[in-house]
Amino acid sequence: MRQAAFDDELARWRADGQFTYVAEDAPATPGDDEIPEACYGVESQVAGSIWQWMVSEGDSIEPGQVIGLLESMKMEIPVVSPVQGKVRKVQRQQGQRVDAGQLLAIIEPVD
């Protein structure tokens, strides 16, 4: 019974075009994902979408602080700051799809 339900769901995904992923976002232009010298990049750990930013450009942050949430496979995954600093730039907007390893934000360290 479980296998039949799974097969039905896969068939619906194929019929709806959900079985294969086709990127809808415009490709990044060269230089978009360059990290300025002395800054840190925060990358996506998984493919998914930006669920929510908890910081804005210019905000001060602490190491380990959750700065945003990714949504992937119906799970919320925290995006954590690796260093103390200031959010220099948010590279991706809420709702935007991202791939694993894609740059999400740039942090300028503060002493």
PDB file of N, CA and C in Angstrom:
ATOM      1  N   MET A   1       0.828  -1.189   0.000  1.00  0.00           N
ATOM      2  CA  MET A   1       0.000   0.000   0.000  1.00  0.00           C
ATOM      3  C   MET A   1       0.877   1.260   0.000  1.00  0.00           C
ATOM      4  N   ARG A   2       1.933   1.228   0.828  1.00  0.00           N
ATOM      5  CA  ARG A   2       2.844   2.371   0.901  1.00  0.00           C
ATOM      6  C   ARG A   2       3.546   2.579  -0.442  1.00  0.00           C
ATOM      7  N   GLN A   3       3.990   1.477  -1.081  1.00  0.00           N
ATOM      8  CA  GLN A   3       4.668   1.578  -2.366  1.00  0.00           C
ATOM      9  C   GLN A   3       3.735   2.148  -3.431  1.00  0.00           C
ATOM     10  N   ALA A   4       2.477   1.745  -3.429  1.00  0.00           N
ATOM     11  CA  ALA A   4       1.505   2.264  -4.401  1.00  0.00           C
ATOM     12  C   ALA A   4       1.301   3.766  -4.208  1.00  0.00           C
ATOM     13  N   ALA A   5       1.213   4.214  -2.961  1.00  0.00           N
ATOM     14  CA  ALA A   5       1.055   5.644  -2.686  1.00  0.00           C
ATOM     15  C   ALA A   5       2.293   6.414  -3.148  1.00  0.00           C
ATOM     16  N   PHE A   6       3.462   5.853  -2.907  1.00  0.00           N
ATOM     17  CA  PHE A   6       4.708   6.495  -3.331  1.00  0.00           C
ATOM     18  C   PHE A   6       4.764   6.591  -4.854  1.00  0.00           C
ATOM     19  N   ASP A   7       4.408   5.499  -5.553  1.00  0.00           N
ATOM     20  CA  ASP A   7       4.404   5.512  -7.019  1.00  0.00           C
ATOM     21  C   ASP A   7       3.421   6.544  -7.566  1.00  0.00           C
ATOM     22  N   ASP A   8       2.254   6.660  -6.931  1.00  0.00           N
ATOM     23  CA  ASP A   8       1.271   7.670  -7.350  1.00  0.00           C
ATOM     24  C   ASP A   8       1.821   9.080  -7.170  1.00  0.00           C
ATOM     25  N   GLU A   9       2.490   9.309  -6.054  1.00  0.00           N
ATOM     26  CA  GLU A   9       3.054  10.637  -5.807  1.00  0.00           C
ATOM     27  C   GLU A   9       4.146  10.971  -6.817  1.00  0.00           C
ATOM     28  N   LEU A  10       5.022  10.024  -7.120  1.00  0.00           N
ATOM     29  CA  LEU A  10       6.051  10.250  -8.141  1.00  0.00           C
ATOM     30  C   LEU A  10       5.422  10.557  -9.500  1.00  0.00           C
ATOM     31  N   ALA A  11       4.370   9.860  -9.832  1.00  0.00           N
ATOM     32  CA  ALA A  11       3.685  10.113 -11.109  1.00  0.00           C
ATOM     33  C   ALA A  11       3.119  11.529 -11.152  1.00  0.00           C
ATOM     34  N   ARG A  12       2.533  11.993 -10.030  1.00  0.00           N
ATOM     35  CA  ARG A  12       2.022  13.371  -9.969  1.00  0.00           C
ATOM     36  C   ARG A  12       3.163  14.372 -10.125  1.00  0.00           C
ATOM     37  N   TRP A  13       4.300  14.109  -9.477  1.00  0.00           N
ATOM     38  CA  TRP A  13       5.446  15.019  -9.590  1.00  0.00           C
ATOM     39  C   TRP A  13       5.912  15.114 -11.038  1.00  0.00           C
ATOM     40  N   ARG A  14       5.992  13.977 -11.701  1.00  0.00           N
ATOM     41  CA  ARG A  14       6.429  13.987 -13.105  1.00  0.00           C
ATOM     42  C   ARG A  14       5.419  14.760 -13.968  1.00  0.00           C
ATOM     43  N   ALA A  15       4.140  14.520 -13.755  1.00  0.00           N
ATOM     44  CA  ALA A  15       3.096  15.190 -14.539  1.00  0.00           C
ATOM     45  C   ALA A  15       3.090  16.701 -14.304  1.00  0.00           C
ATOM     46  N   ASP A  16       3.386  17.120 -13.079  1.00  0.00           N
ATOM     47  CA  ASP A  16       3.400  18.549 -12.745  1.00  0.00           C
ATOM     48  C   ASP A  16       4.729  19.223 -13.065  1.00  0.00           C
ATOM     49  N   GLY A  17       5.728  18.446 -13.512  1.00  0.00           N
ATOM     50  CA  GLY A  17       7.040  19.010 -13.800  1.00  0.00           C
ATOM     51  C   GLY A  17       7.870  19.260 -12.554  1.00  0.00           C
ATOM     52  N   GLN A  18       7.505  18.643 -11.430  1.00  0.00           N
ATOM     53  CA  GLN A  18       8.230  18.859 -10.181  1.00  0.00           C
ATOM     54  C   GLN A  18       9.371  17.863  -9.979  1.00  0.00           C
ATOM     55  N   PHE A  19       9.453  16.854 -10.817  1.00  0.00           N
ATOM     56  CA  PHE A  19      10.442  15.807 -10.611  1.00  0.00           C
ATOM     57  C   PHE A  19      11.846  16.273 -10.966  1.00  0.00           C
ATOM     58  N   THR A  20      11.958  17.189 -11.907  1.00  0.00           N
ATOM     59  CA  THR A  20      13.259  17.723 -12.284  1.00  0.00           C
ATOM     60  C   THR A  20      13.288  19.208 -11.982  1.00  0.00           C
ATOM     61  N   TYR A  21      14.420  19.692 -11.553  1.00  0.00           N
ATOM     62  CA  TYR A  21      14.575  21.096 -11.197  1.00  0.00           C
ATOM     63  C   TYR A  21      15.182  21.863 -12.358  1.00  0.00           C
ATOM     64  N   VAL A  22      14.552  22.973 -12.700  1.00  0.00           N
ATOM     65  CA  VAL A  22      15.075  23.883 -13.705  1.00  0.00           C
ATOM     66  C   VAL A  22      15.180  25.248 -13.043  1.00  0.00           C
ATOM     67  N   ALA A  23      16.390  25.796 -13.003  1.00  0.00           N
ATOM     68  CA  ALA A  23      16.600  27.086 -12.341  1.00  0.00           C
ATOM     69  C   ALA A  23      15.810  28.169 -13.043  1.00  0.00           C
ATOM     70  N   GLU A  24      15.079  28.952 -12.257  1.00  0.00           N
ATOM     71  CA  GLU A  24      14.276  30.035 -12.808  1.00  0.00           C
ATOM     72  C   GLU A  24      14.948  31.388 -12.608  1.00  0.00           C
ATOM     73  N   ASP A  25      15.895  31.442 -11.676  1.00  0.00           N
ATOM     74  CA  ASP A  25      16.558  32.703 -11.397  1.00  0.00           C
ATOM     75  C   ASP A  25      17.574  33.024 -12.487  1.00  0.00           C
ATOM     76  N   ALA A  26      17.775  34.289 -12.716  1.00  0.00           N
ATOM     77  CA  ALA A  26      18.777  34.707 -13.687  1.00  0.00           C
ATOM     78  C   ALA A  26      20.156  34.311 -13.188  1.00  0.00           C
ATOM     79  N   PRO A  27      21.038  33.889 -14.088  1.00  0.00           N
ATOM     80  CA  PRO A  27      22.378  33.519 -13.650  1.00  0.00           C
ATOM     81  C   PRO A  27      23.105  34.729 -13.068  1.00  0.00           C
ATOM     82  N   ALA A  28      23.983  34.455 -12.140  1.00  0.00           N
ATOM     83  CA  ALA A  28      24.759  35.534 -11.528  1.00  0.00           C
ATOM     84  C   ALA A  28      25.685  36.150 -12.571  1.00  0.00           C
ATOM     85  N   THR A  29      25.847  37.444 -12.505  1.00  0.00           N
ATOM     86  CA  THR A  29      26.783  38.099 -13.400  1.00  0.00           C
ATOM     87  C   THR A  29      28.180  37.969 -12.820  1.00  0.00           C
ATOM     88  N   PRO A  30      29.199  37.940 -13.667  1.00  0.00           N
ATOM     89  CA  PRO A  30      30.558  37.795 -13.160  1.00  0.00           C
ATOM     90  C   PRO A  30      30.858  38.861 -12.105  1.00  0.00           C
ATOM     91  N   GLY A  31      31.481  38.440 -11.014  1.00  0.00           N
ATOM     92  CA  GLY A  31      31.834  39.372  -9.954  1.00  0.00           C
ATOM     93  C   GLY A  31      30.790  39.469  -8.860  1.00  0.00           C
ATOM     94  N   ASP A  32      29.583  38.926  -9.089  1.00  0.00           N
ATOM     95  CA  ASP A  32      28.520  38.983  -8.078  1.00  0.00           C
ATOM     96  C   ASP A  32      28.898  38.268  -6.798  1.00  0.00           C
ATOM     97  N   ASP A  33      29.623  37.181  -6.926  1.00  0.00           N
ATOM     98  CA  ASP A  33      29.944  36.371  -5.765  1.00  0.00           C
ATOM     99  C   ASP A  33      31.388  36.536  -5.305  1.00  0.00           C
ATOM    100  N   GLU A  34      31.998  37.648  -5.633  1.00  0.00           N
ATOM    101  CA  GLU A  34      33.358  37.910  -5.155  1.00  0.00           C
ATOM    102  C   GLU A  34      33.295  38.469  -3.745  1.00  0.00           C
ATOM    103  N   ILE A  35      34.160  37.931  -2.885  1.00  0.00           N
ATOM    104  CA  ILE A  35      34.213  38.376  -1.495  1.00  0.00           C
ATOM    105  C   ILE A  35      35.355  39.373  -1.371  1.00  0.00           C
ATOM    106  N   PRO A  36      35.055  40.600  -0.941  1.00  0.00           N
ATOM    107  CA  PRO A  36      36.111  41.605  -0.793  1.00  0.00           C
ATOM    108  C   PRO A  36      37.186  41.134   0.193  1.00  0.00           C
ATOM    109  N   GLU A  37      38.386  41.597  -0.019  1.00  0.00           N
ATOM    110  CA  GLU A  37      39.503  41.246   0.859  1.00  0.00           C
ATOM    111  C   GLU A  37      39.166  41.613   2.303  1.00  0.00           C
ATOM    112  N   ALA A  38      39.569  40.771   3.214  1.00  0.00           N
ATOM    113  CA  ALA A  38      39.363  40.940   4.660  1.00  0.00           C
ATOM    114  C   ALA A  38      37.915  40.728   5.089  1.00  0.00           C
ATOM    115  N   CYS A  39      37.059  40.274   4.198  1.00  0.00           N
ATOM    116  CA  CYS A  39      35.672  39.981   4.553  1.00  0.00           C
ATOM    117  C   CYS A  39      35.451  38.471   4.525  1.00  0.00           C
ATOM    118  N   TYR A  40      34.344  38.044   5.097  1.00  0.00           N
ATOM    119  CA  TYR A  40      33.970  36.638   5.125  1.00  0.00           C
ATOM    120  C   TYR A  40      32.689  36.446   4.334  1.00  0.00           C
ATOM    121  N   GLY A  41      32.629  35.343   3.607  1.00  0.00           N
ATOM    122  CA  GLY A  41      31.410  34.982   2.899  1.00  0.00           C
ATOM    123  C   GLY A  41      30.654  33.920   3.674  1.00  0.00           C
ATOM    124  N   VAL A  42      29.345  34.044   3.680  1.00  0.00           N
ATOM    125  CA  VAL A  42      28.485  33.031   4.285  1.00  0.00           C
ATOM    126  C   VAL A  42      27.789  32.330   3.131  1.00  0.00           C
ATOM    127  N   GLU A  43      28.022  31.017   3.013  1.00  0.00           N
ATOM    128  CA  GLU A  43      27.487  30.251   1.893  1.00  0.00           C
ATOM    129  C   GLU A  43      26.338  29.353   2.335  1.00  0.00           C
ATOM    130  N   SER A  44      25.508  29.011   1.378  1.00  0.00           N
ATOM    131  CA  SER A  44      24.402  28.093   1.645  1.00  0.00           C
ATOM    132  C   SER A  44      24.950  26.686   1.831  1.00  0.00           C
ATOM    133  N   GLN A  45      24.473  26.005   2.864  1.00  0.00           N
ATOM    134  CA  GLN A  45      24.900  24.635   3.105  1.00  0.00           C
ATOM    135  C   GLN A  45      24.129  23.644   2.230  1.00  0.00           C
ATOM    136  N   VAL A  46      22.971  24.052   1.745  1.00  0.00           N
ATOM    137  CA  VAL A  46      22.093  23.155   0.987  1.00  0.00           C
ATOM    138  C   VAL A  46      21.427  23.907  -0.165  1.00  0.00           C
ATOM    139  N   ALA A  47      20.865  23.146  -1.070  1.00  0.00           N
ATOM    140  CA  ALA A  47      20.011  23.741  -2.104  1.00  0.00           C
ATOM    141  C   ALA A  47      18.632  23.961  -1.491  1.00  0.00           C
ATOM    142  N   GLY A  48      18.038  25.080  -1.779  1.00  0.00           N
ATOM    143  CA  GLY A  48      16.715  25.388  -1.233  1.00  0.00           C
ATOM    144  C   GLY A  48      16.346  26.811  -1.568  1.00  0.00           C
ATOM    145  N   SER A  49      15.744  27.493  -0.609  1.00  0.00           N
ATOM    146  CA  SER A  49      15.401  28.901  -0.818  1.00  0.00           C
ATOM    147  C   SER A  49      15.605  29.673   0.482  1.00  0.00           C
ATOM    148  N   ILE A  50      15.796  30.984   0.318  1.00  0.00           N
ATOM    149  CA  ILE A  50      15.942  31.850   1.483  1.00  0.00           C
ATOM    150  C   ILE A  50      14.557  31.981   2.103  1.00  0.00           C
ATOM    151  N   TRP A  51      14.383  31.490   3.292  1.00  0.00           N
ATOM    152  CA  TRP A  51      13.099  31.559   3.979  1.00  0.00           C
ATOM    153  C   TRP A  51      12.946  32.915   4.653  1.00  0.00           C
ATOM    154  N   GLN A  52      13.991  33.328   5.403  1.00  0.00           N
ATOM    155  CA  GLN A  52      13.885  34.585   6.148  1.00  0.00           C
ATOM    156  C   GLN A  52      15.277  35.092   6.517  1.00  0.00           C
ATOM    157  N   TRP A  53      15.479  36.388   6.347  1.00  0.00           N
ATOM    158  CA  TRP A  53      16.678  37.041   6.881  1.00  0.00           C
ATOM    159  C   TRP A  53      16.331  37.613   8.238  1.00  0.00           C
ATOM    160  N   MET A  54      17.227  37.464   9.195  1.00  0.00           N
ATOM    161  CA  MET A  54      17.014  37.999  10.538  1.00  0.00           C
ATOM    162  C   MET A  54      17.907  39.206  10.783  1.00  0.00           C
ATOM    163  N   VAL A  55      18.653  39.591   9.762  1.00  0.00           N
ATOM    164  CA  VAL A  55      19.524  40.764   9.837  1.00  0.00           C
ATOM    165  C   VAL A  55      19.368  41.571   8.559  1.00  0.00           C
ATOM    166  N   SER A  56      19.848  42.793   8.602  1.00  0.00           N
ATOM    167  CA  SER A  56      19.861  43.666   7.427  1.00  0.00           C
ATOM    168  C   SER A  56      21.283  44.163   7.229  1.00  0.00           C
ATOM    169  N   GLU A  57      21.549  44.711   6.058  1.00  0.00           N
ATOM    170  CA  GLU A  57      22.864  45.286   5.796  1.00  0.00           C
ATOM    171  C   GLU A  57      23.142  46.371   6.827  1.00  0.00           C
ATOM    172  N   GLY A  58      24.354  46.337   7.387  1.00  0.00           N
ATOM    173  CA  GLY A  58      24.758  47.311   8.392  1.00  0.00           C
ATOM    174  C   GLY A  58      24.588  46.836   9.822  1.00  0.00           C
ATOM    175  N   ASP A  59      23.840  45.737  10.036  1.00  0.00           N
ATOM    176  CA  ASP A  59      23.643  45.208  11.388  1.00  0.00           C
ATOM    177  C   ASP A  59      24.934  44.614  11.938  1.00  0.00           C
ATOM    178  N   SER A  60      25.153  44.798  13.237  1.00  0.00           N
ATOM    179  CA  SER A  60      26.268  44.154  13.935  1.00  0.00           C
ATOM    180  C   SER A  60      25.839  42.757  14.339  1.00  0.00           C
ATOM    181  N   ILE A  61      26.755  41.797  14.204  1.00  0.00           N
ATOM    182  CA  ILE A  61      26.432  40.412  14.527  1.00  0.00           C
ATOM    183  C   ILE A  61      27.570  39.770  15.307  1.00  0.00           C
ATOM    184  N   GLU A  62      27.237  38.699  16.000  1.00  0.00           N
ATOM    185  CA  GLU A  62      28.187  37.951  16.823  1.00  0.00           C
ATOM    186  C   GLU A  62      28.466  36.596  16.173  1.00  0.00           C
ATOM    187  N   PRO A  63      29.628  35.982  16.487  1.00  0.00           N
ATOM    188  CA  PRO A  63      29.880  34.636  15.950  1.00  0.00           C
ATOM    189  C   PRO A  63      28.831  33.652  16.474  1.00  0.00           C
ATOM    190  N   GLY A  64      28.347  32.799  15.590  1.00  0.00           N
ATOM    191  CA  GLY A  64      27.337  31.813  15.971  1.00  0.00           C
ATOM    192  C   GLY A  64      25.911  32.333  15.937  1.00  0.00           C
ATOM    193  N   GLN A  65      25.741  33.621  15.691  1.00  0.00           N
ATOM    194  CA  GLN A  65      24.398  34.197  15.633  1.00  0.00           C
ATOM    195  C   GLN A  65      23.679  33.710  14.379  1.00  0.00           C
ATOM    196  N   VAL A  66      22.419  33.338  14.532  1.00  0.00           N
ATOM    197  CA  VAL A  66      21.606  32.958  13.380  1.00  0.00           C
ATOM    198  C   VAL A  66      21.222  34.243  12.652  1.00  0.00           C
ATOM    199  N   ILE A  67      21.649  34.334  11.398  1.00  0.00           N
ATOM    200  CA  ILE A  67      21.375  35.548  10.622  1.00  0.00           C
ATOM    201  C   ILE A  67      20.244  35.347   9.605  1.00  0.00           C
ATOM    202  N   GLY A  68      19.883  34.088   9.375  1.00  0.00           N
ATOM    203  CA  GLY A  68      18.806  33.804   8.441  1.00  0.00           C
ATOM    204  C   GLY A  68      18.419  32.343   8.490  1.00  0.00           C
ATOM    205  N   LEU A  69      17.372  32.014   7.732  1.00  0.00           N
ATOM    206  CA  LEU A  69      16.894  30.630   7.653  1.00  0.00           C
ATOM    207  C   LEU A  69      16.737  30.239   6.190  1.00  0.00           C
ATOM    208  N   LEU A  70      17.201  29.039   5.876  1.00  0.00           N
ATOM    209  CA  LEU A  70      16.971  28.446   4.563  1.00  0.00           C
ATOM    210  C   LEU A  70      15.837  27.443   4.703  1.00  0.00           C
ATOM    211  N   GLU A  71      15.112  27.236   3.622  1.00  0.00           N
ATOM    212  CA  GLU A  71      14.088  26.190   3.597  1.00  0.00           C
ATOM    213  C   GLU A  71      14.514  25.200   2.535  1.00  0.00           C
ATOM    214  N   SER A  72      14.609  23.934   2.947  1.00  0.00           N
ATOM    215  CA  SER A  72      14.958  22.876   2.013  1.00  0.00           C
ATOM    216  C   SER A  72      14.228  21.612   2.429  1.00  0.00           C
ATOM    217  N   MET A  73      13.474  21.056   1.519  1.00  0.00           N
ATOM    218  CA  MET A  73      12.727  19.830   1.773  1.00  0.00           C
ATOM    219  C   MET A  73      11.866  19.945   3.028  1.00  0.00           C
ATOM    220  N   LYS A  74      11.198  21.098   3.146  1.00  0.00           N
ATOM    221  CA  LYS A  74      10.266  21.391   4.240  1.00  0.00           C
ATOM    222  C   LYS A  74      10.950  21.467   5.603  1.00  0.00           C
ATOM    223  N   MET A  75      12.251  21.712   5.604  1.00  0.00           N
ATOM    224  CA  MET A  75      12.992  21.884   6.853  1.00  0.00           C
ATOM    225  C   MET A  75      13.585  23.290   6.879  1.00  0.00           C
ATOM    226  N   GLU A  76      13.647  23.883   8.059  1.00  0.00           N
ATOM    227  CA  GLU A  76      14.297  25.168   8.229  1.00  0.00           C
ATOM    228  C   GLU A  76      15.727  24.920   8.687  1.00  0.00           C
ATOM    229  N   ILE A  77      16.687  25.508   7.974  1.00  0.00           N
ATOM    230  CA  ILE A  77      18.097  25.327   8.281  1.00  0.00           C
ATOM    231  C   ILE A  77      18.688  26.690   8.626  1.00  0.00           C
ATOM    232  N   PRO A  78      19.260  26.832   9.835  1.00  0.00           N
ATOM    233  CA  PRO A  78      19.802  28.131  10.229  1.00  0.00           C
ATOM    234  C   PRO A  78      21.062  28.491   9.443  1.00  0.00           C
ATOM    235  N   VAL A  79      21.171  29.771   9.116  1.00  0.00           N
ATOM    236  CA  VAL A  79      22.380  30.331   8.516  1.00  0.00           C
ATOM    237  C   VAL A  79      23.078  31.079   9.639  1.00  0.00           C
ATOM    238  N   VAL A  80      24.310  30.679   9.952  1.00  0.00           N
ATOM    239  CA  VAL A  80      25.002  31.177  11.129  1.00  0.00           C
ATOM    240  C   VAL A  80      26.215  32.014  10.731  1.00  0.00           C
ATOM    241  N   SER A  81      26.440  33.095  11.455  1.00  0.00           N
ATOM    242  CA  SER A  81      27.605  33.943  11.214  1.00  0.00           C
ATOM    243  C   SER A  81      28.867  33.254  11.726  1.00  0.00           C
ATOM    244  N   PRO A  82      29.916  33.209  10.903  1.00  0.00           N
ATOM    245  CA  PRO A  82      31.163  32.593  11.350  1.00  0.00           C
ATOM    246  C   PRO A  82      32.017  33.519  12.221  1.00  0.00           C
ATOM    247  N   VAL A  83      31.739  34.818  12.182  1.00  0.00           N
ATOM    248  CA  VAL A  83      32.588  35.791  12.874  1.00  0.00           C
ATOM    249  C   VAL A  83      31.767  36.937  13.448  1.00  0.00           C
ATOM    250  N   GLN A  84      32.403  37.700  14.318  1.00  0.00           N
ATOM    251  CA  GLN A  84      31.818  38.953  14.788  1.00  0.00           C
ATOM    252  C   GLN A  84      32.052  39.991  13.705  1.00  0.00           C
ATOM    253  N   GLY A  85      31.079  40.813  13.465  1.00  0.00           N
ATOM    254  CA  GLY A  85      31.271  41.825  12.444  1.00  0.00           C
ATOM    255  C   GLY A  85      29.995  42.566  12.121  1.00  0.00           C
ATOM    256  N   LYS A  86      29.997  43.079  10.897  1.00  0.00           N
ATOM    257  CA  LYS A  86      28.869  43.862  10.403  1.00  0.00           C
ATOM    258  C   LYS A  86      28.450  43.262   9.066  1.00  0.00           C
ATOM    259  N   VAL A  87      27.152  43.152   8.860  1.00  0.00           N
ATOM    260  CA  VAL A  87      26.652  42.634   7.581  1.00  0.00           C
ATOM    261  C   VAL A  87      26.938  43.689   6.520  1.00  0.00           C
ATOM    262  N   ARG A  88      27.854  43.356   5.644  1.00  0.00           N
ATOM    263  CA  ARG A  88      28.230  44.301   4.595  1.00  0.00           C
ATOM    264  C   ARG A  88      27.252  44.246   3.427  1.00  0.00           C
ATOM    265  N   LYS A  89      26.849  42.993   3.065  1.00  0.00           N
ATOM    266  CA  LYS A  89      25.929  42.867   1.931  1.00  0.00           C
ATOM    267  C   LYS A  89      25.152  41.553   2.049  1.00  0.00           C
ATOM    268  N   VAL A  90      23.858  41.629   1.781  1.00  0.00           N
ATOM    269  CA  VAL A  90      23.017  40.446   1.655  1.00  0.00           C
ATOM    270  C   VAL A  90      22.935  40.159   0.157  1.00  0.00           C
ATOM    271  N   GLN A  91      23.476  39.021  -0.258  1.00  0.00           N
ATOM    272  CA  GLN A  91      23.596  38.700  -1.682  1.00  0.00           C
ATOM    273  C   GLN A  91      22.307  38.170  -2.307  1.00  0.00           C
ATOM    274  N   ARG A  92      21.472  37.523  -1.536  1.00  0.00           N
ATOM    275  CA  ARG A  92      20.259  36.900  -2.054  1.00  0.00           C
ATOM    276  C   ARG A  92      19.059  37.411  -1.271  1.00  0.00           C
ATOM    277  N   GLN A  93      17.927  37.468  -1.907  1.00  0.00           N
ATOM    278  CA  GLN A  93      16.707  37.994  -1.289  1.00  0.00           C
ATOM    279  C   GLN A  93      15.815  36.865  -0.776  1.00  0.00           C
ATOM    280  N   GLN A  94      14.950  37.190   0.177  1.00  0.00           N
ATOM    281  CA  GLN A  94      13.990  36.221   0.697  1.00  0.00           C
ATOM    282  C   GLN A  94      13.172  35.651  -0.450  1.00  0.00           C
ATOM    283  N   GLY A  95      12.978  34.344  -0.407  1.00  0.00           N
ATOM    284  CA  GLY A  95      12.221  33.662  -1.450  1.00  0.00           C
ATOM    285  C   GLY A  95      13.061  33.195  -2.619  1.00  0.00           C
ATOM    286  N   GLN A  96      14.278  33.686  -2.731  1.00  0.00           N
ATOM    287  CA  GLN A  96      15.126  33.324  -3.858  1.00  0.00           C
ATOM    288  C   GLN A  96      15.701  31.923  -3.675  1.00  0.00           C
ATOM    289  N   ARG A  97      15.722  31.151  -4.749  1.00  0.00           N
ATOM    290  CA  ARG A  97      16.318  29.812  -4.720  1.00  0.00           C
ATOM    291  C   ARG A  97      17.835  29.934  -4.695  1.00  0.00           C
ATOM    292  N   VAL A  98      18.469  29.010  -3.986  1.00  0.00           N
ATOM    293  CA  VAL A  98      19.927  28.985  -3.909  1.00  0.00           C
ATOM    294  C   VAL A  98      20.413  27.552  -4.045  1.00  0.00           C
ATOM    295  N   ASP A  99      21.638  27.414  -4.493  1.00  0.00           N
ATOM    296  CA  ASP A  99      22.299  26.118  -4.566  1.00  0.00           C
ATOM    297  C   ASP A  99      23.282  26.000  -3.412  1.00  0.00           C
ATOM    298  N   ALA A 100      23.630  24.777  -3.068  1.00  0.00           N
ATOM    299  CA  ALA A 100      24.640  24.562  -2.032  1.00  0.00           C
ATOM    300  C   ALA A 100      25.938  25.237  -2.475  1.00  0.00           C
ATOM    301  N   GLY A 101      26.571  25.955  -1.560  1.00  0.00           N
ATOM    302  CA  GLY A 101      27.818  26.645  -1.859  1.00  0.00           C
ATOM    303  C   GLY A 101      27.648  28.043  -2.418  1.00  0.00           C
ATOM    304  N   GLN A 102      26.434  28.460  -2.692  1.00  0.00           N
ATOM    305  CA  GLN A 102      26.197  29.792  -3.246  1.00  0.00           C
ATOM    306  C   GLN A 102      26.307  30.836  -2.136  1.00  0.00           C
ATOM    307  N   LEU A 103      26.930  31.957  -2.449  1.00  0.00           N
ATOM    308  CA  LEU A 103      27.151  33.034  -1.488  1.00  0.00           C
ATOM    309  C   LEU A 103      25.830  33.681  -1.092  1.00  0.00           C
ATOM    310  N   LEU A 104      25.599  33.776   0.229  1.00  0.00           N
ATOM    311  CA  LEU A 104      24.364  34.367   0.745  1.00  0.00           C
ATOM    312  C   LEU A 104      24.582  35.782   1.275  1.00  0.00           C
ATOM    313  N   ALA A 105      25.700  35.980   1.975  1.00  0.00           N
ATOM    314  CA  ALA A 105      25.954  37.276   2.605  1.00  0.00           C
ATOM    315  C   ALA A 105      27.455  37.491   2.761  1.00  0.00           C
ATOM    316  N   ILE A 106      27.819  38.744   2.883  1.00  0.00           N
ATOM    317  CA  ILE A 106      29.222  39.125   3.131  1.00  0.00           C
ATOM    318  C   ILE A 106      29.284  39.830   4.462  1.00  0.00           C
ATOM    319  N   ILE A 107      30.230  39.393   5.298  1.00  0.00           N
ATOM    320  CA  ILE A 107      30.398  39.978   6.628  1.00  0.00           C
ATOM    321  C   ILE A 107      31.772  40.618   6.718  1.00  0.00           C
ATOM    322  N   GLU A 108      31.768  41.853   7.188  1.00  0.00           N
ATOM    323  CA  GLU A 108      33.002  42.595   7.422  1.00  0.00           C
ATOM    324  C   GLU A 108      33.363  42.445   8.893  1.00  0.00           C
ATOM    325  N   PRO A 109      34.505  41.806   9.211  1.00  0.00           N
ATOM    326  CA  PRO A 109      34.857  41.617  10.621  1.00  0.00           C
ATOM    327  C   PRO A 109      35.122  42.938  11.331  1.00  0.00           C
ATOM    328  N   VAL A 110      34.811  42.964  12.622  1.00  0.00           N
ATOM    329  CA  VAL A 110      35.036  44.135  13.458  1.00  0.00           C
ATOM    330  C   VAL A 110      35.860  43.682  14.651  1.00  0.00           C
ATOM    331  N   ASP A 111      36.867  44.450  15.007  1.00  0.00           N
ATOM    332  CA  ASP A 111      37.707  44.085  16.164  1.00  0.00           C
ATOM    333  C   ASP A 111      37.069  44.391  17.467  1.00  0.00           C
TER     334      ASP A 111
END
